[in-house]
Each structure stands twice: as structure tokens, then as C-alpha cells.
Amino acid sequence: MVLGIFGKKLGMTQVYDKAGAAVPVTVIEALPCFVTRILEEKKAVQIGTSVSKRSTKPILGSYAQSGVKENLNKFEEFGAEDTSKVSLGQQIKTDIFEAGEKVSVIGVSIGKGFAGTVKRHHFMRSHMTHGSKSHRIPGSIGAGTTPGRVYKGKRMAGRMGGEKVTVKNLMVFEADPEKNIVLIKGAVPGPRGAFVTIKRTAAKKAEKKK
């Protein structure tokens, strides 16, 4: 069984569990994922999918031997529990996930543009009254005569969001192979329509070894 797939975030909604409690979930549609290479030594497989309309000739030639006719241009290696049960050109769907298991979701967070220190780093603002003229500015950033410079990594205003983010230990609420969607409890990175990667966590593999 392959330990991950590519997907597209459709948005968030809420569903009800067996006890009748409302559960917030993120709906992720699995993209067409095909096995393009089997790496037996690493116990992994290379999965390819399409994120744009065009592919270069070198990319087309790289997976020609797999027999996939789809236009693939995004590839990544995923672990596989048993590579002997995987074949080139095989399509991977959401049936690899089970309700209740833990997964990690990787995506690009929503870009917020240029943000100040209050929004970006949750700095406390100054007084808004009593003659204060310094409300949301960061204030002094120097460290005095010694060392006489600003340390690298100083938290300041700047570009916020638009970064690769991994959210771990999210629970799969439901996996529907017919509709090819996965419901994941909680929020995942990115806006609606964002490209995400879903990976089964190592905790699942550790339980099987026991």
C-alpha cells in the first residue's frame, strides 16, 4: 500500500459523527495519481500527477515506460509497505486511507502580503491614549553599543504567509473511493483549490510492527 497521494483542497464543512456531534472537516479531492517508478531498495514508489497543462519532453520521457497516457508534471516519492503489490501505471486512490488513522498534510499557506509586527508576530501594541504616539510600531531594535548591530533573525515586519507548511497528526474522518474525496478533521494549509500532499504518518507503521 502506498503511503500518500496528491489532492486539491475543496474547502471546509461540518459533518456529524455517530454520537451526533458536529465535526469540522476539510474536503480534499484526490488528483489522478499514477505510479511512475518503483524503488524497491528504498521501499518507496514515485507518484506522478498533473498540476498544469504542459509538460516538457524530458518529463514525458521519464514516465513513458510506465504506460501512463495522462499529462503528468508533478512527482514525489512516497513510502510503500510492499512494493511487490504495486505495478507501474497503477492509479492510487483514496482507498489507501482508513477512517480514524493519522495523516500529515503539506501545502502552501495563504499569503497575507506585507504585515507588521503585531499581525505577523503577535507583538503587543502600545497605549492608544494618554499622549502616546507609538501605537503599532515595533520600537527600538538595536542592542546598544555592544554588540552595536542587529542580530540576524530579529522578528520584524515583512512578508507573511505563502510558505510551505506541514500539519501533522490530523485524523481522517472518512475516505470515499467512489467520489475520490477524503474528509480530514480540522484545517489544512492553503486556500480553496490549493494543491496539497497527504501522507500517512509513521505512527500507523509503528503500530503494525508491534
Protein backbone atom coordinates (compact mmCIF):
# COMPACT_ATOMS: atom_id res chain seq x y z
CA MET A 1 0.00 0.00 0.00
CA VAL A 2 1.30 3.45 -0.96
CA LEU A 3 1.57 5.87 1.96
CA GLY A 4 0.39 9.09 0.30
CA ILE A 5 -1.36 10.90 -2.56
CA PHE A 6 -1.77 14.35 -4.07
CA GLY A 7 -5.01 16.27 -3.69
CA LYS A 8 -6.86 19.55 -4.16
CA LYS A 9 -8.45 21.37 -1.24
CA LEU A 10 -12.14 21.98 -1.98
CA GLY A 11 -13.00 23.80 1.24
CA MET A 12 -14.33 23.19 4.74
CA THR A 13 -17.68 21.99 6.03
CA GLN A 14 -19.07 20.13 9.01
CA VAL A 15 -20.36 16.60 9.35
CA TYR A 16 -21.86 14.63 12.21
CA ASP A 17 -20.29 11.63 13.90
CA LYS A 18 -22.14 8.62 15.33
CA ALA A 19 -22.74 10.46 18.60
CA GLY A 20 -24.40 13.34 16.76
CA ALA A 21 -21.61 15.84 17.44
CA ALA A 22 -20.69 18.32 14.70
CA VAL A 23 -17.15 17.79 13.40
CA PRO A 24 -15.35 20.45 11.28
CA VAL A 25 -13.66 18.77 8.31
CA THR A 26 -11.66 19.77 5.25
CA VAL A 27 -12.78 18.22 1.98
CA ILE A 28 -9.87 17.16 -0.24
CA GLU A 29 -10.36 15.77 -3.72
CA ALA A 30 -7.70 13.27 -4.73
CA LEU A 31 -6.00 14.14 -8.01
CA PRO A 32 -5.32 11.40 -10.59
CA CYS A 33 -2.17 9.81 -9.13
CA PHE A 34 -0.20 7.18 -11.06
CA VAL A 35 2.82 5.06 -10.15
CA THR A 36 5.65 6.13 -12.46
CA ARG A 37 8.60 4.39 -10.80
CA ILE A 38 9.11 1.62 -8.24
CA LEU A 39 12.09 1.96 -5.90
CA GLU A 40 12.47 -1.43 -4.25
CA GLU A 41 15.67 -0.58 -2.33
CA LYS A 42 14.04 2.44 -0.68
CA LYS A 43 10.69 0.63 -0.23
CA ALA A 44 9.08 3.55 -1.99
CA VAL A 45 7.31 4.47 -5.22
CA GLN A 46 7.29 7.62 -7.31
CA ILE A 47 3.83 9.07 -7.82
CA GLY A 48 3.02 11.49 -10.63
CA THR A 49 0.06 13.81 -11.15
CA SER A 50 -0.87 16.82 -13.26
CA VAL A 51 -0.88 20.35 -11.87
CA SER A 52 -0.62 22.22 -15.19
CA LYS A 53 -1.48 21.63 -18.85
CA ARG A 54 2.08 21.50 -20.17
CA SER A 55 4.94 19.04 -19.70
CA THR A 56 8.42 19.14 -21.19
CA LYS A 57 9.74 16.33 -23.38
CA PRO A 58 12.26 15.16 -20.75
CA ILE A 59 9.42 14.80 -18.23
CA LEU A 60 7.25 12.95 -20.77
CA GLY A 61 10.11 10.55 -21.47
CA SER A 62 10.79 9.94 -17.79
CA TYR A 63 7.49 8.14 -17.24
CA ALA A 64 6.87 6.78 -20.75
CA GLN A 65 7.83 3.28 -19.61
CA SER A 66 5.02 3.28 -17.03
CA GLY A 67 2.42 3.34 -19.81
CA VAL A 68 0.52 6.30 -18.36
CA LYS A 69 -1.20 8.40 -21.02
CA GLU A 70 -2.02 11.26 -18.68
CA ASN A 71 -0.06 14.53 -18.82
CA LEU A 72 1.98 14.30 -15.61
CA ASN A 73 4.27 17.08 -14.38
CA LYS A 74 4.40 16.79 -10.57
CA PHE A 75 6.32 13.90 -8.99
CA GLU A 76 7.19 12.83 -5.46
CA GLU A 77 8.38 9.70 -3.70
CA PHE A 78 6.12 8.04 -1.15
CA GLY A 79 6.87 5.09 1.10
CA ALA A 80 5.23 1.77 0.26
CA GLU A 81 4.52 -1.05 2.70
CA ASP A 82 5.03 -3.68 -0.01
CA THR A 83 6.37 -2.65 -3.42
CA SER A 84 5.65 -6.11 -4.86
CA LYS A 85 1.93 -5.32 -4.77
CA VAL A 86 2.39 -2.11 -6.76
CA SER A 87 2.68 -2.01 -10.57
CA LEU A 88 3.81 0.70 -12.99
CA GLY A 89 0.94 2.81 -14.24
CA GLN A 90 -1.31 1.83 -11.34
CA GLN A 91 -3.68 4.57 -10.21
CA ILE A 92 -3.65 5.36 -6.50
CA LYS A 93 -7.00 6.39 -4.99
CA THR A 94 -8.36 7.35 -1.59
CA ASP A 95 -8.96 3.73 -0.58
CA ILE A 96 -5.42 3.70 0.86
CA PHE A 97 -6.76 5.69 3.82
CA GLU A 98 -8.91 4.40 6.65
CA ALA A 99 -11.24 6.36 8.92
CA GLY A 100 -9.55 7.20 12.22
CA GLU A 101 -5.93 6.99 11.08
CA LYS A 102 -3.46 9.86 11.38
CA VAL A 103 -2.05 11.75 8.39
CA SER A 104 0.15 14.75 7.66
CA VAL A 105 -0.96 17.36 5.13
CA ILE A 106 1.59 19.52 3.32
CA GLY A 107 0.61 22.69 1.47
CA VAL A 108 1.41 26.36 0.90
CA SER A 109 -0.22 28.68 3.41
CA ILE A 110 -2.39 31.61 2.35
CA GLY A 111 -0.30 34.69 1.53
CA LYS A 112 -1.03 37.74 3.70
CA GLY A 113 1.24 40.22 1.94
CA PHE A 114 3.42 42.68 3.89
CA ALA A 115 2.44 42.62 7.57
CA GLY A 116 3.57 44.49 10.64
CA THR A 117 4.94 43.02 13.85
CA VAL A 118 1.56 42.98 15.64
CA LYS A 119 -0.09 40.83 12.98
CA ARG A 120 2.96 38.82 11.97
CA HIS A 121 4.49 38.04 15.38
CA HIS A 122 1.64 38.96 17.78
CA PHE A 123 3.58 41.83 19.37
CA MET A 124 1.73 43.86 22.00
CA ARG A 125 0.74 47.36 20.91
CA SER A 126 1.43 50.47 22.96
CA HIS A 127 -1.10 52.74 24.63
CA MET A 128 -3.71 54.25 22.33
CA THR A 129 -4.32 57.28 24.61
CA HIS A 130 -2.55 59.46 27.21
CA GLY A 131 -0.43 61.19 24.59
CA SER A 132 1.19 58.06 23.19
CA LYS A 133 2.37 58.49 19.61
CA SER A 134 3.65 54.93 19.29
CA HIS A 135 0.74 52.53 18.78
CA ARG A 136 1.73 49.64 16.50
CA ILE A 137 5.33 50.47 15.57
CA PRO A 138 8.00 47.95 16.68
CA GLY A 139 10.12 50.50 18.54
CA SER A 140 13.87 50.25 19.06
CA ILE A 141 15.55 47.19 17.52
CA GLY A 142 19.17 47.85 18.50
CA ALA A 143 21.09 46.17 21.30
CA GLY A 144 23.15 49.17 22.47
CA THR A 145 26.85 49.80 22.00
CA THR A 146 27.53 46.09 22.44
CA PRO A 147 27.23 44.40 20.01
CA GLY A 148 26.37 47.54 18.05
CA ARG A 149 24.32 45.74 15.45
CA VAL A 150 21.00 43.98 14.96
CA TYR A 151 21.09 40.22 15.42
CA LYS A 152 20.09 38.03 12.50
CA GLY A 153 16.61 36.59 12.74
CA LYS A 154 15.17 39.62 14.52
CA ARG A 155 11.37 39.49 14.44
CA MET A 156 10.30 42.45 12.33
CA ALA A 157 7.70 43.46 9.76
CA GLY A 158 7.82 41.62 6.45
CA ARG A 159 6.18 39.19 4.08
CA MET A 160 3.68 36.93 5.84
CA GLY A 161 2.29 33.61 4.64
CA GLY A 162 2.86 31.91 1.30
CA GLU A 163 5.19 29.34 2.90
CA LYS A 164 5.31 25.56 2.81
CA VAL A 165 3.54 24.27 5.90
CA THR A 166 3.15 20.74 7.27
CA VAL A 167 0.29 20.00 9.65
CA LYS A 168 0.85 16.69 11.45
CA ASN A 169 -1.42 14.21 13.24
CA LEU A 170 -4.65 15.13 11.51
CA MET A 171 -7.34 12.47 11.61
CA VAL A 172 -9.07 11.01 8.56
CA PHE A 173 -12.79 11.24 9.26
CA GLU A 174 -13.87 9.48 6.08
CA ALA A 175 -12.41 8.29 2.77
CA ASP A 176 -14.78 7.83 -0.17
CA PRO A 177 -13.16 5.98 -3.12
CA GLU A 178 -16.27 6.38 -5.30
CA LYS A 179 -16.28 10.17 -5.09
CA ASN A 180 -12.48 10.15 -4.70
CA ILE A 181 -12.52 12.52 -1.73
CA VAL A 182 -11.06 12.48 1.78
CA LEU A 183 -12.60 14.22 4.78
CA ILE A 184 -9.91 15.30 7.24
CA LYS A 185 -10.81 16.57 10.68
CA GLY A 186 -9.54 20.12 11.17
CA ALA A 187 -7.96 22.69 8.89
CA VAL A 188 -5.18 22.20 6.34
CA PRO A 189 -2.85 24.79 4.76
CA GLY A 190 -3.82 26.83 1.72
CA PRO A 191 -6.91 28.46 0.17
CA ARG A 192 -9.71 26.68 -1.70
CA GLY A 193 -8.31 24.97 -4.77
CA ALA A 194 -4.82 24.68 -3.27
CA PHE A 195 -2.56 21.74 -4.12
CA VAL A 196 -1.81 19.57 -1.08
CA THR A 197 0.03 16.36 -0.29
CA ILE A 198 -1.45 13.82 2.11
CA LYS A 199 0.92 11.37 3.81
CA ARG A 200 0.17 8.63 6.28
CA THR A 201 2.17 9.17 9.47
CA ALA A 202 4.84 6.89 10.92
CA ALA A 203 2.61 6.17 13.92
CA LYS A 204 0.49 3.89 11.77
CA LYS A 205 3.56 1.91 10.71
CA ALA A 206 4.81 1.68 14.31
CA GLU A 207 1.52 0.12 15.45
CA LYS A 208 1.80 -2.61 12.81
CA LYS A 209 5.34 -3.52 13.91
CA LYS A 210 4.09 -4.14 17.45
